[in-house]
Structure formats: C-alpha cells, structure tokens
Protein backbone atom coordinates (compact mmCIF):
# COMPACT_ATOMS: atom_id res chain seq x y z
CA MET A 1 -22.41 9.76 -80.12
CA VAL A 2 -24.24 12.49 -80.95
CA PHE A 3 -23.46 16.14 -80.96
CA GLN A 4 -26.17 18.96 -79.84
CA PRO A 5 -25.95 21.59 -82.52
CA THR A 6 -26.37 24.41 -80.29
CA ILE A 7 -26.04 25.89 -77.04
CA ASP A 8 -27.48 28.58 -74.92
CA ASN A 9 -25.47 31.24 -72.55
CA ASP A 10 -26.49 29.89 -69.88
CA THR A 11 -26.25 26.18 -70.22
CA VAL A 12 -22.20 27.39 -70.79
CA ALA A 13 -21.90 29.50 -67.65
CA ALA A 14 -23.29 26.40 -65.52
CA LEU A 15 -20.62 24.04 -67.24
CA PRO A 16 -16.90 23.34 -65.15
CA ALA A 17 -14.58 25.24 -66.20
CA ALA A 18 -11.64 24.00 -68.65
CA ARG A 19 -8.25 24.36 -67.11
CA PHE A 20 -4.89 23.10 -68.41
CA GLY A 21 -2.71 21.40 -66.28
CA GLY A 22 -0.01 20.87 -67.74
CA ARG A 23 3.13 23.39 -67.81
CA ILE A 24 3.45 26.90 -68.72
CA VAL A 25 6.35 28.36 -70.42
CA VAL A 26 6.65 31.90 -70.72
CA VAL A 27 9.33 32.66 -74.05
CA ASP A 28 9.95 36.36 -73.59
CA SER A 29 13.62 35.71 -74.15
CA GLU A 30 15.45 34.84 -77.90
CA GLU A 31 17.20 32.05 -75.29
CA LEU A 32 14.30 30.27 -74.92
CA VAL A 33 12.71 29.81 -78.34
CA ASP A 34 15.14 26.95 -79.53
CA ALA A 35 14.10 24.94 -76.43
CA ALA A 36 10.51 25.52 -77.09
CA CYS A 37 10.42 25.11 -80.80
CA SER A 38 12.67 22.37 -80.33
CA ASP A 39 10.19 20.75 -78.13
CA LEU A 40 7.41 21.44 -80.04
CA GLU A 41 9.17 19.85 -83.55
CA ARG A 42 8.98 16.62 -81.58
CA HIS A 43 4.72 16.45 -81.93
CA THR A 44 2.89 16.26 -84.88
CA THR A 45 0.16 17.74 -83.89
CA ILE A 46 -0.34 21.47 -81.22
CA GLY A 47 -2.99 23.82 -79.88
CA PHE A 48 -2.41 27.31 -81.29
CA ASP A 49 -4.29 30.17 -80.64
CA THR A 50 -2.71 34.12 -80.46
CA GLU A 51 -4.12 36.81 -78.05
CA THR A 52 -3.55 41.23 -78.47
CA ARG A 53 -3.87 43.91 -76.16
CA PRO A 54 -7.09 45.16 -76.77
CA SER A 55 -7.83 49.44 -77.19
CA PHE A 56 -10.66 50.90 -75.46
CA ARG A 57 -10.00 54.02 -77.66
CA ALA A 58 -11.40 54.87 -81.27
CA GLY A 59 -8.99 54.52 -83.47
CA VAL A 60 -6.58 52.71 -81.49
CA SER A 61 -5.04 48.98 -82.33
CA TYR A 62 -2.47 47.06 -80.99
CA LYS A 63 -0.41 44.24 -83.13
CA VAL A 64 -0.24 40.50 -81.83
CA SER A 65 1.54 40.47 -77.80
CA LEU A 66 1.17 36.76 -77.51
CA LEU A 67 1.47 33.57 -79.73
CA GLN A 68 0.24 30.09 -77.56
CA LEU A 69 1.51 26.81 -79.22
CA SER A 70 0.23 23.37 -76.79
CA THR A 71 1.31 19.94 -76.71
CA PRO A 72 -0.58 17.79 -74.56
CA ASP A 73 1.35 18.33 -71.81
CA THR A 74 3.11 21.99 -72.03
CA CYS A 75 1.77 24.84 -74.01
CA TYR A 76 4.86 27.78 -74.62
CA LEU A 77 3.70 31.54 -74.53
CA PHE A 78 5.79 33.46 -76.86
CA ARG A 79 5.76 36.74 -76.01
CA LEU A 80 5.77 38.72 -79.29
CA CYS A 81 6.05 42.29 -77.66
CA ARG A 82 9.15 41.23 -76.58
CA ILE A 83 11.15 39.08 -78.78
CA ARG A 84 10.73 38.99 -82.94
CA LEU A 85 8.59 36.41 -85.13
CA SER A 86 11.83 34.31 -85.48
CA ASN A 87 12.47 32.39 -88.59
CA ARG A 88 12.83 29.24 -85.90
CA ILE A 89 9.15 29.93 -84.92
CA LEU A 90 7.63 30.76 -88.43
CA LYS A 91 9.62 27.12 -89.48
CA ILE A 92 6.60 25.50 -87.40
CA LEU A 93 3.89 27.86 -88.85
CA GLY A 94 4.88 26.76 -91.76
CA SER A 95 5.38 23.11 -91.35
CA LYS A 96 2.80 20.63 -92.91
CA ARG A 97 4.02 17.80 -90.57
CA ILE A 98 2.92 19.77 -87.59
CA LEU A 99 -0.86 20.17 -87.67
CA LYS A 100 -1.43 23.39 -86.12
CA ILE A 101 -5.18 23.02 -84.12
CA GLY A 102 -7.42 26.44 -83.56
CA ALA A 103 -10.62 28.20 -83.94
CA ASP A 104 -10.61 31.11 -86.41
CA VAL A 105 -6.85 30.78 -87.77
CA SER A 106 -7.07 32.46 -90.47
CA GLY A 107 -7.92 35.52 -88.03
CA ASP A 108 -4.75 35.10 -86.19
CA ILE A 109 -2.79 34.06 -89.07
CA ARG A 110 -3.82 37.79 -90.91
CA SER A 111 -2.71 39.57 -87.18
CA LEU A 112 0.86 37.49 -87.21
CA HIS A 113 1.63 38.68 -90.76
CA ALA A 114 0.88 43.01 -89.47
CA LEU A 115 4.53 41.55 -87.66
CA ARG A 116 6.01 39.53 -90.29
CA GLU A 117 5.12 38.07 -93.71
CA PHE A 118 5.54 34.05 -94.01
CA LYS A 119 3.90 31.40 -95.67
CA ALA A 120 1.34 29.26 -93.09
CA ASP A 121 0.84 25.49 -93.81
CA GLY A 122 -0.38 22.80 -91.55
CA PHE A 123 -3.80 24.99 -90.12
CA VAL A 124 -6.81 22.90 -89.21
CA ASP A 125 -9.90 25.08 -87.80
CA LEU A 126 -12.35 23.43 -85.72
CA GLN A 127 -15.06 26.11 -87.16
CA ASN A 128 -14.74 24.08 -90.25
CA GLU A 129 -14.19 20.96 -88.78
CA ALA A 130 -17.08 20.63 -86.09
CA SER A 131 -19.72 21.18 -88.64
CA ARG A 132 -19.39 18.01 -90.58
CA TRP A 133 -21.01 16.64 -86.45
CA GLY A 134 -23.50 18.70 -86.94
CA ILE A 135 -23.10 21.39 -84.85
CA GLU A 136 -23.47 24.96 -86.18
CA GLU A 137 -21.79 27.13 -83.32
CA LYS A 138 -18.41 28.70 -83.94
CA SER A 139 -17.28 30.38 -81.37
CA LEU A 140 -13.75 28.39 -79.08
CA ARG A 141 -16.68 28.46 -76.24
CA LYS A 142 -19.50 26.84 -77.36
CA LEU A 143 -16.89 24.67 -79.05
CA SER A 144 -15.78 23.48 -75.62
CA ALA A 145 -19.10 23.56 -74.00
CA ILE A 146 -21.17 21.53 -76.57
CA ILE A 147 -17.83 19.10 -77.57
CA LEU A 148 -16.59 18.74 -74.18
CA GLY A 149 -18.82 19.99 -71.59
CA GLU A 150 -16.70 22.39 -70.13
CA ARG A 151 -16.11 26.17 -70.19
CA VAL A 152 -13.55 28.10 -71.79
CA SER A 153 -13.43 30.89 -69.19
CA LYS A 154 -13.13 34.75 -71.08
CA ALA A 155 -12.28 36.86 -68.01
CA GLN A 156 -8.87 37.69 -68.66
CA ARG A 157 -9.63 38.14 -72.95
CA LEU A 158 -9.96 41.83 -72.69
CA SER A 159 -6.64 42.10 -70.46
CA ASN A 160 -3.56 44.01 -71.18
CA TRP A 161 -1.49 40.94 -72.98
CA GLU A 162 2.04 43.58 -73.53
CA ALA A 163 1.73 43.94 -69.11
CA GLY A 164 5.71 43.70 -67.91
CA VAL A 165 5.04 40.44 -66.67
CA LEU A 166 2.00 38.40 -67.19
CA THR A 167 -0.61 37.40 -63.93
CA GLU A 168 -1.34 33.90 -62.96
CA GLN A 169 -5.05 34.09 -64.41
CA GLN A 170 -3.35 35.20 -67.55
CA ARG A 171 -1.09 32.13 -68.18
CA ASP A 172 -3.56 29.65 -67.56
CA TYR A 173 -5.77 31.67 -69.66
CA ALA A 174 -4.11 31.66 -72.41
CA ALA A 175 -2.18 28.28 -72.04
CA THR A 176 -6.09 26.92 -71.99
CA ASP A 177 -7.19 28.66 -74.98
CA ALA A 178 -4.90 26.97 -76.95
CA TRP A 179 -4.39 23.33 -75.40
CA VAL A 180 -8.56 23.02 -75.38
CA CYS A 181 -8.11 23.18 -79.47
CA LEU A 182 -6.58 19.74 -79.11
CA GLU A 183 -9.36 18.23 -76.75
CA ILE A 184 -11.80 19.20 -78.88
CA LEU A 185 -10.18 17.85 -82.00
CA ALA A 186 -9.40 14.69 -79.88
CA LYS A 187 -12.84 14.68 -78.78
CA LEU A 188 -13.92 14.75 -82.23
CA GLN A 189 -12.01 12.45 -83.52
CA GLN A 190 -13.01 9.92 -81.55
CA THR A 191 -16.34 10.45 -82.74
CA LYS A 192 -18.31 9.20 -86.36
CA PRO A 193 -19.31 12.29 -88.23
CA LEU A 194 -22.36 12.93 -89.76
CA VAL A 195 -20.44 13.53 -92.74
CA GLU A 196 -17.16 11.78 -93.74
CA GLY A 197 -14.07 13.65 -94.72
CA GLU A 198 -10.35 14.21 -94.04
CA LEU A 199 -9.26 17.19 -92.23
CA LYS A 200 -9.22 20.40 -93.83
CA ILE A 201 -5.55 22.14 -94.03
CA ILE A 202 -5.55 25.70 -94.34
CA SER A 203 -2.55 26.57 -95.93
CA SER A 204 -0.85 29.74 -98.11
CA LEU A 205 -1.81 32.37 -96.18
CA GLN A 206 0.08 34.78 -96.97
CA GLN A 207 -0.44 38.68 -97.44
CA PRO A 208 1.91 41.93 -96.84
CA PRO A 209 1.20 43.47 -93.61
CA GLN A 210 -1.84 46.00 -93.71
CA ARG A 211 -0.92 49.53 -93.06
CA THR A 212 -4.33 51.70 -92.30
CA LYS A 213 -4.34 55.56 -91.53
CA ASN A 214 -6.52 55.39 -89.10
CA LYS A 215 -5.44 53.00 -86.59
CA ILE A 216 -2.01 53.23 -84.66
CA ASN A 217 -0.47 50.37 -83.73
CA SER A 218 2.07 50.12 -81.03
CA PRO A 219 5.48 49.16 -82.27
CA ALA A 220 5.43 46.04 -79.64
CA ALA A 221 9.58 46.75 -79.18
CA GLU A 222 9.21 46.02 -74.96
CA CYS A 223 5.97 44.40 -72.53
CA GLY A 224 5.35 46.75 -70.23
CA THR A 225 5.69 49.85 -71.92
CA THR A 226 3.34 52.64 -72.99
CA SER A 227 2.73 53.14 -76.02
CA PRO A 228 2.86 56.82 -78.09
CA ALA A 229 -1.11 56.17 -78.96
CA GLU A 230 -2.13 55.93 -75.40
CA PRO A 231 -3.74 59.00 -74.14
CA GLN A 232 -2.18 61.21 -72.46
CA THR A 233 -1.53 60.97 -68.46
CA ASP A 234 -2.80 64.44 -67.51
CA GLY A 235 -6.04 63.54 -68.61
CA LYS A 236 -5.88 66.49 -71.28
CA GLU A 237 -5.86 66.19 -75.41
CA ARG A 238 -3.19 68.05 -77.16
CA ALA A 239 -5.04 70.58 -80.24
CA LYS A 240 -5.05 69.25 -83.08
CA ARG A 241 -2.41 71.11 -84.81
CA PRO A 242 -3.48 73.00 -88.38
CA SER A 243 -2.94 71.24 -91.21
CA LYS A 244 -0.06 72.78 -93.77
CA PHE A 245 -2.96 74.13 -96.41
CA TRP A 246 -4.12 76.05 -93.51
CA MET A 247 -1.53 77.19 -92.32
CA ALA A 248 -0.28 78.93 -96.12
CA LYS A 249 -3.36 79.58 -96.33
CA ARG A 250 -3.45 82.02 -93.33
CA ARG A 251 0.19 83.37 -94.01
CA ALA A 252 -1.08 84.46 -97.66
CA LYS A 253 -3.91 86.12 -96.20
CA ARG A 254 -1.31 88.13 -93.65
CA VAL A 255 0.55 89.22 -96.65
CA GLU A 256 -2.36 90.59 -98.71
CA ASN A 257 -3.26 92.40 -95.64
CA LYS A 258 -0.03 94.13 -95.54
CA LYS A 259 -0.29 94.86 -99.23
CA GLY A 260 -3.80 96.14 -97.74
CA ASN A 261 -2.47 98.82 -95.14
CA LYS A 262 0.44 99.53 -97.56
CA ALA A 263 -2.11 100.46 -99.98
CA LYS A 264 -3.69 102.66 -97.91
CA GLU A 265 -1.00 104.88 -96.60
C-alpha cells in the first residue's frame, strides 16, 4: 500500500469522523493518579497529547491544562490545572520502555516544562515517522485522513480546557487526539515504508521553564477559576499607573515650582 503524500481540506472534511470508543477516565485528584499510572505502566506503547486553554487577548497565555495518555482501550485525562505534574506521571514521561506516540511532541514537552523541569524519554513523533512512507503532511488531522481514512475533529480545540467540568464533547475530543496517534503508528507499521529504518526516539528534552515579560500565565491552581489575567468583568480597563521614573520626575517638578514661588515672594 502506498499513501498519498498530501490531501486537501475539502477531502478531509468529507471523511467520516474518528472517535475513540473506549473508556475515558478524568484524573482530577491526587488519589486517582496512582491507579491511572499503574494501568499505563503495563503498556509499552501509549498515545500522547496535551491541551491548553486558548487565549483571545494579546499578551496573555496559559499553561498546559490537560495531559492525555491513552492505551488502546482506555484514555486518561490528567487535569494539570487541578493536580500536580507529579513524580509518578513524570516516571512515565521519562521511561524509555514506554513509548509515547504523538504529533509535534517537542512542542508539547516544552509546554509541560513550563510546569516543571523533567527529563523526557521514549517519545515518537508521527511527523518524523510519516515522511518515511512518503507523506508530506504534518498535522494530526491530515495524517489521520491519509493513513486511516478518518477525520479528526478540531471543533473543541479552542474550548476552555480549564472549565470546572469538561463537557462530553471535550472528553471525546481529547481522548481521540491521543488514541488516534496509536492507530496511525499501528497502520504505518503494517505497511512497508519507502525508506527503511527504526523508530526515531526523542529523548533528553530538558530545559527550565521559560519566563517572558510580555506574557501572563494562568496560575493553574484550580480549574474553573478566573485567571487574574482575564479582562475586568465590568468591561472597563484599569487606568495605567505611571512608572516610578515619571512619578519621581513629577515630585521633583513640584518641589522646583515651590522653590520658584518662594523666591518670587
């Protein structure tokens, strides 16, 4: 079987939707983490993805809200806006034995590094692997369309991933994104590649959290809370405070004026 190198958006839109049909477990408390990780550790290959609350305001960004790790029949949704990125989770993310399959995994790992420093290992990026089968597309949506003949919906991508409770549509979307990565790799491995080679394992991606002055990150202390970076609810912008430099300059000017007035007297 030879896969087509590219696919247009109209063709993708006409395909049936891919949907995860297994069990979806929302991990939103520390008590649920151990059970989820114990199940995941029984597998050698799992699907991987993350979701982040979108920002519609310039200069405002949010940290990762959700980490999805999926087996063939169960997908775990770790709500990182409610629980810590704990050592138990990091053990899986750093395991060479457990392969984590995703698309643009380097970008996802960088986002996770903003929460906590850790060493990642055992990641496989479908964007790298698909090229060995002559596929030029990079997005998960188009990779799924070409390889599986199914369309990955993006309807929930810009929804609020820090909402108090995830909707059924959000849960299905998040689970499908991670699970479909497993399906894509399995289908590729059933087909002879144009270029022979082993899976390229991405590892040792470690860096400290990046802090930028022009971006405000959500504290991610609790899902469903409003970030301080959100606009004022009354629709009015707070008046900008003058800088310390200008305040000092104004005080000096007032003192100078007072001296001048006394001299005139």
